[in-house]
Amino acid sequence: LGNQGGSMIGAGIGANVGGASASTGKGHIPADFDVAGFVRNAKVNYIRLQAANDAGNLDDIRAFTTPEMFAEIQMDINERQGQSQTTEVVHLDAEVVQVNEEAALYIVSVRFSGPLKEDGQSVEINELWQLSKPRHGGGGWVVAGIQQA
């Protein structure tokens, strides 16, 4: 998820994966949406996915991504051919940019920014992640798309 070796989560994911559209400014956020709680959980999941990507843990990645997003990350991990990578999240800011309600899904756009260290090199990230969740039935939030902002 960093830039080293074209990894997908972090700086590199946004460079290689579609599905999100970068936009400027804030969109619609319902008044009753728990922005602080969502941001807190989004940061935890960002760090967890970064660690899973570094370790090549496909089971963990599959649990927090859509099938399409998983396929992109899996391809990136396979391209590394077993090369290890280490990413340290130095500081992570997250901001809810927009909340959409579609017929079957809730979709939240979150902008992540801050410094990372990838294999010892400093990298600044500025990414827009789209997280989705079914409106009805079970299922939690999963990463549906990532783009460089």
N, C-alpha and C. Protein backbone atom coordinates (compact mmCIF):
# COMPACT_ATOMS: atom_id res chain seq x y z
N LEU A 1 0.78 -1.02 0.00
CA LEU A 1 0.00 0.00 0.00
C LEU A 1 0.90 1.19 0.00
N GLY A 2 2.06 1.00 -0.42
CA GLY A 2 2.98 2.10 -0.57
C GLY A 2 3.50 2.12 -1.97
N ASN A 3 4.50 2.95 -2.20
CA ASN A 3 5.04 3.08 -3.55
C ASN A 3 6.06 2.01 -3.89
N GLN A 4 6.74 1.48 -2.92
CA GLN A 4 7.80 0.53 -3.20
C GLN A 4 7.25 -0.68 -3.93
N GLY A 5 7.85 -1.03 -5.03
CA GLY A 5 7.46 -2.21 -5.77
C GLY A 5 6.04 -2.15 -6.30
N GLY A 6 5.46 -0.96 -6.39
CA GLY A 6 4.11 -0.85 -6.91
C GLY A 6 3.06 -1.39 -5.98
N SER A 7 3.33 -1.47 -4.69
CA SER A 7 2.37 -2.06 -3.77
C SER A 7 1.07 -1.27 -3.78
N MET A 8 -0.01 -1.93 -3.35
CA MET A 8 -1.33 -1.40 -3.57
C MET A 8 -1.90 -0.57 -2.44
N ILE A 9 -1.68 -0.92 -1.21
CA ILE A 9 -2.31 -0.17 -0.13
C ILE A 9 -1.36 0.94 0.27
N GLY A 10 -1.90 2.11 0.51
CA GLY A 10 -1.05 3.25 0.79
C GLY A 10 -0.83 3.98 -0.52
N ALA A 11 0.31 4.61 -0.67
CA ALA A 11 0.56 5.45 -1.83
C ALA A 11 0.39 4.69 -3.13
N GLY A 12 0.86 3.46 -3.21
CA GLY A 12 0.81 2.70 -4.45
C GLY A 12 -0.59 2.24 -4.82
N ILE A 13 -1.44 1.97 -3.87
CA ILE A 13 -2.78 1.48 -4.22
C ILE A 13 -3.50 2.51 -5.05
N GLY A 14 -3.49 3.73 -4.62
CA GLY A 14 -4.20 4.75 -5.36
C GLY A 14 -3.67 4.93 -6.77
N ALA A 15 -2.39 4.66 -6.97
CA ALA A 15 -1.80 4.82 -8.29
C ALA A 15 -2.27 3.72 -9.24
N ASN A 16 -2.64 2.57 -8.72
CA ASN A 16 -2.93 1.42 -9.57
C ASN A 16 -4.38 0.99 -9.59
N VAL A 17 -5.18 1.43 -8.66
CA VAL A 17 -6.53 0.88 -8.51
C VAL A 17 -7.56 1.94 -8.81
N GLY A 18 -8.55 1.57 -9.60
CA GLY A 18 -9.64 2.47 -9.91
C GLY A 18 -10.79 2.27 -8.95
N GLY A 19 -11.92 2.85 -9.28
CA GLY A 19 -13.12 2.63 -8.50
C GLY A 19 -13.53 3.84 -7.71
N ALA A 20 -12.63 4.72 -7.41
CA ALA A 20 -12.99 5.93 -6.69
C ALA A 20 -12.75 7.11 -7.62
N SER A 21 -13.52 8.15 -7.44
CA SER A 21 -13.27 9.34 -8.25
C SER A 21 -12.79 10.45 -7.33
N ALA A 22 -11.65 10.99 -7.66
CA ALA A 22 -11.10 12.07 -6.85
C ALA A 22 -11.95 13.32 -7.06
N SER A 23 -12.27 14.01 -5.98
CA SER A 23 -13.03 15.24 -6.10
C SER A 23 -12.47 16.23 -5.11
N THR A 24 -12.78 17.47 -5.33
CA THR A 24 -12.31 18.50 -4.42
C THR A 24 -13.49 18.99 -3.60
N GLY A 25 -13.20 19.46 -2.43
CA GLY A 25 -14.24 19.98 -1.57
C GLY A 25 -15.03 18.87 -0.90
N LYS A 26 -15.99 19.28 -0.07
CA LYS A 26 -16.82 18.31 0.64
C LYS A 26 -18.15 18.16 -0.06
N GLY A 27 -18.63 16.94 -0.03
CA GLY A 27 -19.94 16.65 -0.57
C GLY A 27 -20.95 16.56 0.56
N HIS A 28 -21.98 15.79 0.33
CA HIS A 28 -23.07 15.62 1.29
C HIS A 28 -22.66 14.70 2.44
N ILE A 29 -22.89 15.15 3.67
CA ILE A 29 -22.70 14.32 4.86
C ILE A 29 -23.95 14.53 5.72
N PRO A 30 -24.76 13.46 5.92
CA PRO A 30 -25.98 13.61 6.73
C PRO A 30 -25.66 14.10 8.15
N ALA A 31 -26.56 14.88 8.71
CA ALA A 31 -26.36 15.44 10.04
C ALA A 31 -26.22 14.36 11.11
N ASP A 32 -26.87 13.21 10.92
CA ASP A 32 -26.82 12.16 11.95
C ASP A 32 -25.69 11.15 11.73
N PHE A 33 -24.81 11.41 10.76
CA PHE A 33 -23.70 10.49 10.47
C PHE A 33 -22.60 10.70 11.51
N ASP A 34 -22.13 9.62 12.14
CA ASP A 34 -21.10 9.68 13.17
C ASP A 34 -19.72 9.82 12.51
N VAL A 35 -19.37 11.03 12.14
CA VAL A 35 -18.12 11.29 11.44
C VAL A 35 -16.92 10.88 12.29
N ALA A 36 -16.89 11.28 13.56
CA ALA A 36 -15.74 10.97 14.43
C ALA A 36 -15.56 9.46 14.57
N GLY A 37 -16.63 8.72 14.81
CA GLY A 37 -16.54 7.27 14.94
C GLY A 37 -16.10 6.61 13.65
N PHE A 38 -16.63 7.11 12.53
CA PHE A 38 -16.27 6.54 11.24
C PHE A 38 -14.79 6.77 10.95
N VAL A 39 -14.30 7.98 11.20
CA VAL A 39 -12.89 8.32 10.98
C VAL A 39 -11.99 7.43 11.83
N ARG A 40 -12.35 7.24 13.08
CA ARG A 40 -11.55 6.40 13.99
C ARG A 40 -11.43 4.98 13.43
N ASN A 41 -12.56 4.39 13.03
CA ASN A 41 -12.54 3.03 12.48
C ASN A 41 -11.84 2.97 11.13
N ALA A 42 -11.99 4.01 10.31
CA ALA A 42 -11.33 4.03 9.01
C ALA A 42 -9.81 4.04 9.17
N LYS A 43 -9.31 4.78 10.15
CA LYS A 43 -7.86 4.80 10.41
C LYS A 43 -7.36 3.43 10.85
N VAL A 44 -8.10 2.78 11.73
CA VAL A 44 -7.71 1.44 12.20
C VAL A 44 -7.66 0.48 11.01
N ASN A 45 -8.68 0.53 10.16
CA ASN A 45 -8.71 -0.37 9.01
C ASN A 45 -7.62 -0.04 8.00
N TYR A 46 -7.28 1.24 7.83
CA TYR A 46 -6.18 1.62 6.93
C TYR A 46 -4.88 0.96 7.41
N ILE A 47 -4.60 1.11 8.69
CA ILE A 47 -3.36 0.55 9.25
C ILE A 47 -3.38 -0.98 9.16
N ARG A 48 -4.53 -1.58 9.43
CA ARG A 48 -4.63 -3.04 9.35
C ARG A 48 -4.41 -3.54 7.92
N LEU A 49 -5.01 -2.86 6.95
CA LEU A 49 -4.83 -3.26 5.56
C LEU A 49 -3.40 -3.03 5.10
N GLN A 50 -2.77 -1.98 5.58
CA GLN A 50 -1.37 -1.72 5.24
C GLN A 50 -0.51 -2.87 5.75
N ALA A 51 -0.73 -3.29 6.99
CA ALA A 51 0.04 -4.39 7.58
C ALA A 51 -0.23 -5.70 6.83
N ALA A 52 -1.49 -5.94 6.46
CA ALA A 52 -1.83 -7.16 5.71
C ALA A 52 -1.16 -7.16 4.34
N ASN A 53 -1.11 -6.00 3.71
CA ASN A 53 -0.45 -5.89 2.41
C ASN A 53 1.05 -6.15 2.55
N ASP A 54 1.67 -5.55 3.55
CA ASP A 54 3.11 -5.78 3.78
C ASP A 54 3.40 -7.26 3.96
N ALA A 55 2.54 -7.95 4.71
CA ALA A 55 2.74 -9.37 5.01
C ALA A 55 2.23 -10.28 3.90
N GLY A 56 1.52 -9.73 2.93
CA GLY A 56 0.93 -10.55 1.88
C GLY A 56 -0.19 -11.43 2.41
N ASN A 57 -0.89 -10.97 3.46
CA ASN A 57 -1.96 -11.73 4.10
C ASN A 57 -3.26 -11.55 3.32
N LEU A 58 -3.47 -12.41 2.34
CA LEU A 58 -4.64 -12.28 1.46
C LEU A 58 -5.95 -12.53 2.19
N ASP A 59 -5.96 -13.39 3.21
CA ASP A 59 -7.19 -13.65 3.95
C ASP A 59 -7.69 -12.38 4.64
N ASP A 60 -6.78 -11.64 5.28
CA ASP A 60 -7.15 -10.40 5.96
C ASP A 60 -7.60 -9.36 4.94
N ILE A 61 -6.89 -9.26 3.83
CA ILE A 61 -7.24 -8.29 2.80
C ILE A 61 -8.62 -8.61 2.23
N ARG A 62 -8.91 -9.88 1.98
CA ARG A 62 -10.21 -10.29 1.42
C ARG A 62 -11.36 -9.87 2.34
N ALA A 63 -11.13 -9.91 3.66
CA ALA A 63 -12.18 -9.59 4.62
C ALA A 63 -12.58 -8.11 4.60
N PHE A 64 -11.70 -7.25 4.10
CA PHE A 64 -11.95 -5.81 4.17
C PHE A 64 -12.00 -5.13 2.81
N THR A 65 -12.19 -5.91 1.73
CA THR A 65 -12.24 -5.33 0.40
C THR A 65 -13.36 -5.96 -0.42
N THR A 66 -13.83 -5.23 -1.43
CA THR A 66 -14.76 -5.81 -2.39
C THR A 66 -14.00 -6.83 -3.22
N PRO A 67 -14.71 -7.75 -3.88
CA PRO A 67 -14.00 -8.72 -4.72
C PRO A 67 -13.11 -8.07 -5.79
N GLU A 68 -13.56 -6.97 -6.37
CA GLU A 68 -12.78 -6.28 -7.39
C GLU A 68 -11.51 -5.67 -6.81
N MET A 69 -11.65 -5.05 -5.64
CA MET A 69 -10.49 -4.44 -4.98
C MET A 69 -9.52 -5.53 -4.54
N PHE A 70 -10.04 -6.63 -4.03
CA PHE A 70 -9.20 -7.74 -3.62
C PHE A 70 -8.37 -8.25 -4.79
N ALA A 71 -9.00 -8.40 -5.96
CA ALA A 71 -8.29 -8.90 -7.14
C ALA A 71 -7.13 -7.99 -7.52
N GLU A 72 -7.32 -6.68 -7.43
CA GLU A 72 -6.25 -5.73 -7.75
C GLU A 72 -5.10 -5.86 -6.76
N ILE A 73 -5.42 -5.94 -5.48
CA ILE A 73 -4.37 -6.04 -4.46
C ILE A 73 -3.64 -7.37 -4.59
N GLN A 74 -4.40 -8.44 -4.84
CA GLN A 74 -3.79 -9.77 -5.01
C GLN A 74 -2.80 -9.77 -6.18
N MET A 75 -3.17 -9.13 -7.29
CA MET A 75 -2.26 -9.05 -8.44
C MET A 75 -0.98 -8.33 -8.05
N ASP A 76 -1.11 -7.25 -7.29
CA ASP A 76 0.06 -6.48 -6.87
C ASP A 76 0.96 -7.32 -5.98
N ILE A 77 0.38 -8.04 -5.04
CA ILE A 77 1.17 -8.90 -4.14
C ILE A 77 1.87 -9.99 -4.95
N ASN A 78 1.17 -10.58 -5.90
CA ASN A 78 1.77 -11.61 -6.74
C ASN A 78 2.94 -11.06 -7.55
N GLU A 79 2.83 -9.81 -8.02
CA GLU A 79 3.91 -9.18 -8.78
C GLU A 79 5.15 -8.95 -7.94
N ARG A 80 4.99 -8.85 -6.63
CA ARG A 80 6.16 -8.68 -5.73
C ARG A 80 6.98 -9.96 -5.66
N GLN A 81 6.41 -11.08 -6.02
CA GLN A 81 7.09 -12.38 -6.05
C GLN A 81 7.80 -12.68 -4.73
N GLY A 82 7.08 -12.50 -3.64
CA GLY A 82 7.61 -12.86 -2.33
C GLY A 82 8.51 -11.82 -1.69
N GLN A 83 8.77 -10.72 -2.38
CA GLN A 83 9.60 -9.67 -1.77
C GLN A 83 8.85 -9.07 -0.60
N SER A 84 9.56 -8.92 0.50
CA SER A 84 8.92 -8.33 1.68
C SER A 84 8.96 -6.81 1.56
N GLN A 85 8.07 -6.18 2.29
CA GLN A 85 8.09 -4.73 2.39
C GLN A 85 7.65 -4.36 3.79
N THR A 86 8.11 -3.22 4.23
CA THR A 86 7.77 -2.74 5.56
C THR A 86 7.27 -1.31 5.43
N THR A 87 6.09 -1.06 5.99
CA THR A 87 5.52 0.27 5.96
C THR A 87 5.18 0.69 7.38
N GLU A 88 5.66 1.86 7.76
CA GLU A 88 5.33 2.44 9.06
C GLU A 88 4.45 3.66 8.83
N VAL A 89 3.27 3.64 9.42
CA VAL A 89 2.38 4.79 9.34
C VAL A 89 2.83 5.77 10.42
N VAL A 90 3.51 6.84 10.01
CA VAL A 90 4.06 7.82 10.94
C VAL A 90 2.94 8.64 11.56
N HIS A 91 2.07 9.16 10.72
CA HIS A 91 0.91 9.94 11.16
C HIS A 91 -0.16 9.81 10.08
N LEU A 92 -1.40 9.63 10.48
CA LEU A 92 -2.47 9.44 9.51
C LEU A 92 -3.63 10.37 9.84
N ASP A 93 -3.97 11.21 8.87
CA ASP A 93 -5.17 12.04 8.98
C ASP A 93 -6.24 11.42 8.09
N ALA A 94 -7.48 11.49 8.54
CA ALA A 94 -8.59 10.99 7.74
C ALA A 94 -9.74 11.98 7.84
N GLU A 95 -10.42 12.18 6.71
CA GLU A 95 -11.52 13.13 6.66
C GLU A 95 -12.64 12.53 5.81
N VAL A 96 -13.85 12.49 6.36
CA VAL A 96 -15.01 12.05 5.58
C VAL A 96 -15.34 13.18 4.61
N VAL A 97 -15.34 12.85 3.33
CA VAL A 97 -15.57 13.85 2.29
C VAL A 97 -17.02 13.83 1.82
N GLN A 98 -17.61 12.63 1.73
CA GLN A 98 -18.97 12.53 1.22
C GLN A 98 -19.59 11.21 1.66
N VAL A 99 -20.91 11.23 1.86
CA VAL A 99 -21.68 10.03 2.18
C VAL A 99 -22.79 9.93 1.14
N ASN A 100 -22.82 8.79 0.42
CA ASN A 100 -23.87 8.55 -0.59
C ASN A 100 -24.72 7.37 -0.17
N GLU A 101 -26.01 7.46 -0.45
CA GLU A 101 -26.92 6.34 -0.24
C GLU A 101 -27.47 5.93 -1.59
N GLU A 102 -27.06 4.75 -2.04
CA GLU A 102 -27.58 4.21 -3.29
C GLU A 102 -28.66 3.19 -2.97
N ALA A 103 -29.26 2.60 -3.98
CA ALA A 103 -30.35 1.65 -3.76
C ALA A 103 -29.93 0.50 -2.86
N ALA A 104 -28.75 -0.05 -3.08
CA ALA A 104 -28.31 -1.23 -2.34
C ALA A 104 -27.15 -0.96 -1.38
N LEU A 105 -26.49 0.20 -1.52
CA LEU A 105 -25.25 0.44 -0.76
C LEU A 105 -25.21 1.82 -0.13
N TYR A 106 -24.48 1.89 0.99
CA TYR A 106 -23.98 3.16 1.51
C TYR A 106 -22.55 3.25 1.00
N ILE A 107 -22.14 4.43 0.54
CA ILE A 107 -20.77 4.63 0.08
C ILE A 107 -20.24 5.90 0.74
N VAL A 108 -19.09 5.76 1.42
CA VAL A 108 -18.47 6.89 2.09
C VAL A 108 -17.10 7.12 1.48
N SER A 109 -16.82 8.36 1.11
CA SER A 109 -15.50 8.73 0.61
C SER A 109 -14.69 9.33 1.75
N VAL A 110 -13.49 8.79 1.95
CA VAL A 110 -12.60 9.25 3.02
C VAL A 110 -11.26 9.62 2.41
N ARG A 111 -10.77 10.82 2.75
CA ARG A 111 -9.44 11.25 2.30
C ARG A 111 -8.44 10.94 3.41
N PHE A 112 -7.43 10.14 3.05
CA PHE A 112 -6.33 9.83 3.96
C PHE A 112 -5.11 10.61 3.52
N SER A 113 -4.40 11.19 4.49
CA SER A 113 -3.16 11.90 4.18
C SER A 113 -2.21 11.77 5.36
N GLY A 114 -0.94 11.95 5.05
CA GLY A 114 0.07 11.92 6.09
C GLY A 114 1.34 11.22 5.63
N PRO A 115 2.35 11.25 6.50
CA PRO A 115 3.63 10.64 6.15
C PRO A 115 3.69 9.15 6.50
N LEU A 116 4.30 8.38 5.61
CA LEU A 116 4.60 6.97 5.83
C LEU A 116 6.10 6.78 5.64
N LYS A 117 6.60 5.68 6.17
CA LYS A 117 7.95 5.24 5.84
C LYS A 117 7.81 3.87 5.20
N GLU A 118 8.24 3.78 3.95
CA GLU A 118 8.17 2.52 3.22
C GLU A 118 9.58 2.03 2.99
N ASP A 119 9.89 0.90 3.61
CA ASP A 119 11.24 0.34 3.52
C ASP A 119 12.28 1.42 3.83
N GLY A 120 11.98 2.24 4.85
CA GLY A 120 12.91 3.26 5.33
C GLY A 120 12.85 4.59 4.61
N GLN A 121 12.10 4.70 3.53
CA GLN A 121 12.01 5.95 2.78
C GLN A 121 10.71 6.68 3.12
N SER A 122 10.81 8.00 3.30
CA SER A 122 9.63 8.81 3.62
C SER A 122 8.77 9.03 2.38
N VAL A 123 7.46 8.87 2.57
CA VAL A 123 6.49 9.05 1.49
C VAL A 123 5.30 9.79 2.08
N GLU A 124 4.77 10.76 1.34
CA GLU A 124 3.54 11.45 1.74
C GLU A 124 2.39 10.84 0.95
N ILE A 125 1.32 10.47 1.64
CA ILE A 125 0.14 9.96 0.94
C ILE A 125 -0.95 11.02 0.94
N ASN A 126 -1.76 10.99 -0.09
CA ASN A 126 -2.98 11.80 -0.19
C ASN A 126 -3.91 11.00 -1.09
N GLU A 127 -4.77 10.20 -0.45
CA GLU A 127 -5.60 9.25 -1.17
C GLU A 127 -7.06 9.42 -0.82
N LEU A 128 -7.91 9.10 -1.78
CA LEU A 128 -9.34 9.10 -1.57
C LEU A 128 -9.81 7.66 -1.66
N TRP A 129 -10.32 7.13 -0.53
CA TRP A 129 -10.82 5.76 -0.46
C TRP A 129 -12.33 5.81 -0.46
N GLN A 130 -12.94 4.87 -1.19
CA GLN A 130 -14.39 4.69 -1.11
C GLN A 130 -14.65 3.41 -0.35
N LEU A 131 -15.44 3.53 0.70
CA LEU A 131 -15.83 2.41 1.53
C LEU A 131 -17.33 2.18 1.32
N SER A 132 -17.71 0.92 1.16
CA SER A 132 -19.12 0.63 0.91
C SER A 132 -19.63 -0.41 1.90
N LYS A 133 -20.95 -0.39 2.07
CA LYS A 133 -21.62 -1.32 2.98
C LYS A 133 -23.03 -1.52 2.47
N PRO A 134 -23.54 -2.77 2.52
CA PRO A 134 -24.93 -3.00 2.09
C PRO A 134 -25.91 -2.21 2.95
N ARG A 135 -26.95 -1.69 2.33
CA ARG A 135 -27.99 -0.96 3.08
C ARG A 135 -28.87 -1.91 3.86
N HIS A 136 -29.00 -3.14 3.38
CA HIS A 136 -29.88 -4.10 4.02
C HIS A 136 -29.12 -5.40 4.25
N GLY A 137 -29.48 -6.11 5.30
CA GLY A 137 -28.83 -7.39 5.58
C GLY A 137 -27.49 -7.20 6.26
N GLY A 138 -26.70 -8.26 6.27
CA GLY A 138 -25.41 -8.22 6.95
C GLY A 138 -24.33 -7.63 6.07
N GLY A 139 -23.17 -7.54 6.66
CA GLY A 139 -22.01 -7.04 5.92
C GLY A 139 -21.54 -5.73 6.48
N GLY A 140 -20.25 -5.64 6.67
CA GLY A 140 -19.66 -4.41 7.19
C GLY A 140 -19.03 -3.58 6.09
N TRP A 141 -18.32 -2.56 6.49
CA TRP A 141 -17.66 -1.66 5.55
C TRP A 141 -16.48 -2.35 4.90
N VAL A 142 -16.36 -2.20 3.59
CA VAL A 142 -15.23 -2.74 2.84
C VAL A 142 -14.69 -1.66 1.90
N VAL A 143 -13.42 -1.79 1.54
CA VAL A 143 -12.79 -0.85 0.61
C VAL A 143 -13.25 -1.22 -0.79
N ALA A 144 -13.85 -0.23 -1.48
CA ALA A 144 -14.38 -0.44 -2.83
C ALA A 144 -13.51 0.22 -3.89
N GLY A 145 -12.71 1.20 -3.51
CA GLY A 145 -11.87 1.88 -4.48
C GLY A 145 -10.91 2.83 -3.80
N ILE A 146 -9.77 3.06 -4.47
CA ILE A 146 -8.74 3.96 -3.93
C ILE A 146 -8.12 4.71 -5.11
N GLN A 147 -7.98 6.03 -4.94
CA GLN A 147 -7.29 6.84 -5.94
C GLN A 147 -6.42 7.86 -5.25
N GLN A 148 -5.35 8.24 -5.95
CA GLN A 148 -4.55 9.35 -5.47
C GLN A 148 -5.42 10.61 -5.57
N ALA A 149 -5.39 11.42 -4.55
CA ALA A 149 -6.22 12.64 -4.54
C ALA A 149 -5.47 13.78 -5.23
